[in-house]
Amino acid sequence: HPLLKIVNHALVDLPAPSNISAWWNFGSLLGLCLAAQLLTGIFLAMHYTADVSMAFSSVAHICRDVNYGWLLRNLHANGASFFFICIYLHIGRGLYYGSYLFKETWNIGVALLLLVMMTAFVGYVLPWGQMSFWGATVITNLLSAVPYVGTTLVQWIWGGFSVDNATLTR
């Protein structure tokens, strides 16, 4: 069967160097973590309300009233931590083995790291508790230090003159 032949060539008969070690697993683990984050995030989004007056309550509702909502939220939160552990180990392996010498690949990895960090920050803000609110306020205010455009950039991110509903719903 052609499909089994493709799977066999891609997974079973795949040539691999004889000196490969466990350090090379973290890219695949990142893929698994990302899939788990997407899956749990989609199910959490089904019950989340993106409004400053309802966001915190909707997270509490997910944990208390939704069947296995507490499990989904904990898997999602701890999955993010495990994702970053895998990223840092993946970067460490890349530094140890000199992967930074492949400039284009390394630069794409740095860009992906920045995107993942921004995405994680947005996820941190979504529950809209005190830590989330002040985290959003402090971290976005750091951009006001950018010369000439900093204040305008911060107001654009906030959607106004302070962290508010427009910030949460973006």
Protein backbone atom coordinates (compact mmCIF):
# COMPACT_ATOMS: atom_id res chain seq x y z
CA HIS A 1 0.00 0.00 0.00
CA PRO A 2 1.45 3.43 -0.95
CA LEU A 3 0.54 5.11 2.35
CA LEU A 4 2.26 2.43 4.41
CA LYS A 5 5.28 2.69 2.14
CA ILE A 6 5.51 6.45 2.81
CA VAL A 7 5.19 5.93 6.57
CA ASN A 8 7.81 3.17 6.47
CA HIS A 9 10.29 5.38 4.58
CA ALA A 10 9.62 8.38 6.85
CA LEU A 11 9.70 6.62 10.22
CA VAL A 12 11.22 3.15 10.04
CA ASP A 13 13.84 3.25 7.30
CA LEU A 14 14.88 6.83 8.02
CA PRO A 15 18.66 7.09 8.01
CA ALA A 16 20.05 8.41 11.28
CA PRO A 17 23.61 9.06 12.41
CA SER A 18 25.12 6.47 14.75
CA ASN A 19 26.14 9.11 17.31
CA ILE A 20 22.62 10.53 17.80
CA SER A 21 21.64 11.11 21.44
CA ALA A 22 18.59 11.95 23.53
CA TRP A 23 19.36 15.67 23.10
CA TRP A 24 17.90 15.48 19.60
CA ASN A 25 14.41 14.64 20.92
CA PHE A 26 13.48 18.13 22.09
CA GLY A 27 12.38 19.37 18.67
CA SER A 28 9.88 16.52 18.46
CA LEU A 29 8.80 17.12 22.06
CA LEU A 30 8.18 20.76 21.14
CA GLY A 31 5.87 19.58 18.37
CA LEU A 32 3.97 17.35 20.79
CA CYS A 33 3.73 20.16 23.35
CA LEU A 34 2.46 22.55 20.70
CA ALA A 35 -0.21 20.06 19.61
CA ALA A 36 -1.30 19.60 23.24
CA GLN A 37 -1.37 23.38 23.77
CA LEU A 38 -3.49 23.90 20.67
CA LEU A 39 -5.91 21.14 21.62
CA THR A 40 -6.36 22.23 25.25
CA GLY A 41 -6.46 25.89 24.19
CA ILE A 42 -9.29 25.25 21.74
CA PHE A 43 -11.34 23.47 24.41
CA LEU A 44 -10.65 26.23 26.94
CA ALA A 45 -11.63 28.89 24.38
CA MET A 46 -15.05 27.26 24.03
CA HIS A 47 -15.91 28.42 27.57
CA TYR A 48 -13.79 31.59 27.88
CA THR A 49 -15.35 35.08 27.78
CA ALA A 50 -13.03 37.86 26.59
CA ASP A 51 -14.40 40.79 28.57
CA VAL A 52 -12.80 42.53 31.55
CA SER A 53 -15.88 42.01 33.71
CA MET A 54 -16.26 38.32 32.80
CA ALA A 55 -12.78 36.93 31.98
CA PHE A 56 -11.77 35.98 35.52
CA SER A 57 -15.24 34.56 36.24
CA SER A 58 -15.17 32.52 33.05
CA VAL A 59 -11.84 30.96 34.07
CA ALA A 60 -13.33 30.13 37.48
CA HIS A 61 -16.38 28.69 35.68
CA ILE A 62 -14.11 26.49 33.55
CA CYS A 63 -12.34 25.15 36.65
CA ARG A 64 -15.47 24.61 38.75
CA ASP A 65 -18.39 23.88 36.44
CA VAL A 66 -17.06 22.46 33.17
CA ASN A 67 -16.48 18.70 33.19
CA TYR A 68 -12.72 18.19 33.57
CA GLY A 69 -12.22 21.93 33.02
CA TRP A 70 -9.77 22.01 35.93
CA LEU A 71 -7.76 19.29 34.19
CA LEU A 72 -7.76 21.14 30.87
CA ARG A 73 -6.61 24.38 32.50
CA ASN A 74 -3.84 22.65 34.45
CA LEU A 75 -2.70 20.71 31.38
CA HIS A 76 -2.63 23.97 29.43
CA ALA A 77 -0.76 25.93 32.12
CA ASN A 78 1.77 23.20 32.87
CA GLY A 79 2.07 22.41 29.17
CA ALA A 80 3.27 25.97 28.60
CA SER A 81 5.96 25.49 31.24
CA PHE A 82 7.03 22.16 29.74
CA PHE A 83 7.06 23.79 26.29
CA PHE A 84 9.54 26.42 27.49
CA ILE A 85 11.69 23.80 29.25
CA CYS A 86 11.90 21.94 25.93
CA ILE A 87 12.67 25.19 24.07
CA TYR A 88 15.54 26.05 26.40
CA LEU A 89 16.97 22.53 26.18
CA HIS A 90 16.59 22.67 22.38
CA ILE A 91 18.46 26.00 22.31
CA GLY A 92 21.12 24.61 24.65
CA ARG A 93 21.65 21.64 22.36
CA GLY A 94 21.90 24.00 19.40
CA LEU A 95 24.52 26.10 21.17
CA TYR A 96 26.51 23.04 22.27
CA TYR A 97 26.58 21.47 18.81
CA GLY A 98 27.24 24.76 16.99
CA SER A 99 23.92 25.01 15.18
CA TYR A 100 24.21 28.80 15.35
CA LEU A 101 26.72 28.53 12.49
CA PHE A 102 23.78 27.91 10.15
CA LYS A 103 22.75 31.57 10.26
CA GLU A 104 19.44 31.38 8.40
CA THR A 105 18.16 28.45 10.44
CA TRP A 106 19.34 30.06 13.67
CA ASN A 107 17.70 33.41 12.83
CA ILE A 108 14.40 31.67 12.07
CA GLY A 109 14.69 29.92 15.44
CA VAL A 110 15.27 33.24 17.22
CA ALA A 111 12.25 34.75 15.46
CA LEU A 112 10.14 31.74 16.47
CA LEU A 113 11.36 32.06 20.07
CA LEU A 114 10.25 35.70 20.17
CA LEU A 115 6.86 34.81 18.69
CA VAL A 116 6.38 32.00 21.22
CA MET A 117 7.30 34.34 24.08
CA MET A 118 4.79 36.93 22.87
CA THR A 119 2.11 34.26 22.52
CA ALA A 120 2.82 32.98 26.04
CA PHE A 121 2.55 36.53 27.36
CA VAL A 122 -0.87 36.92 25.75
CA GLY A 123 -1.92 33.62 27.32
CA TYR A 124 -0.69 34.88 30.70
CA VAL A 125 -2.88 37.98 30.37
CA LEU A 126 -6.09 36.16 29.41
CA PRO A 127 -7.27 35.09 32.92
CA TRP A 128 -7.36 38.82 33.82
CA GLY A 129 -6.48 38.45 37.47
CA GLN A 130 -4.37 41.01 39.32
CA MET A 131 -1.11 39.38 38.18
CA SER A 132 -2.36 39.32 34.59
CA PHE A 133 -3.48 42.96 34.63
CA TRP A 134 -0.32 44.32 36.18
CA GLY A 135 1.87 42.04 34.08
CA ALA A 136 0.22 43.45 30.96
CA THR A 137 0.61 47.00 32.27
CA VAL A 138 4.28 46.71 33.23
CA ILE A 139 5.51 44.68 30.25
CA THR A 140 3.70 46.78 27.63
CA ASN A 141 4.90 49.97 29.34
CA LEU A 142 8.47 48.83 28.68
CA LEU A 143 7.84 49.65 25.02
CA SER A 144 7.35 53.32 25.95
CA ALA A 145 11.16 53.52 26.23
CA VAL A 146 11.45 53.15 22.43
CA PRO A 147 12.51 56.57 21.12
CA TYR A 148 9.99 58.66 19.13
CA VAL A 149 7.32 55.97 18.69
CA GLY A 150 7.23 54.28 22.12
CA THR A 151 4.20 56.07 23.55
CA THR A 152 2.23 55.69 20.34
CA LEU A 153 3.17 52.00 20.16
CA VAL A 154 2.00 51.39 23.74
CA GLN A 155 -1.32 53.16 23.11
CA TRP A 156 -1.80 51.11 19.94
CA ILE A 157 -1.19 47.85 21.84
CA TRP A 158 -3.51 48.94 24.65
CA GLY A 159 -6.23 50.12 22.25
CA GLY A 160 -6.50 53.33 24.28
CA PHE A 161 -4.76 55.18 27.07
CA SER A 162 -4.73 52.35 29.61
CA VAL A 163 -4.90 48.56 29.84
CA ASP A 164 -8.61 47.90 29.52
CA ASN A 165 -11.21 45.85 27.64
CA ALA A 166 -9.72 46.83 24.27
CA THR A 167 -6.39 45.35 25.38
CA LEU A 168 -7.94 42.06 26.47
CA THR A 169 -10.06 41.57 23.36
CA ARG A 170 -7.24 42.18 20.87
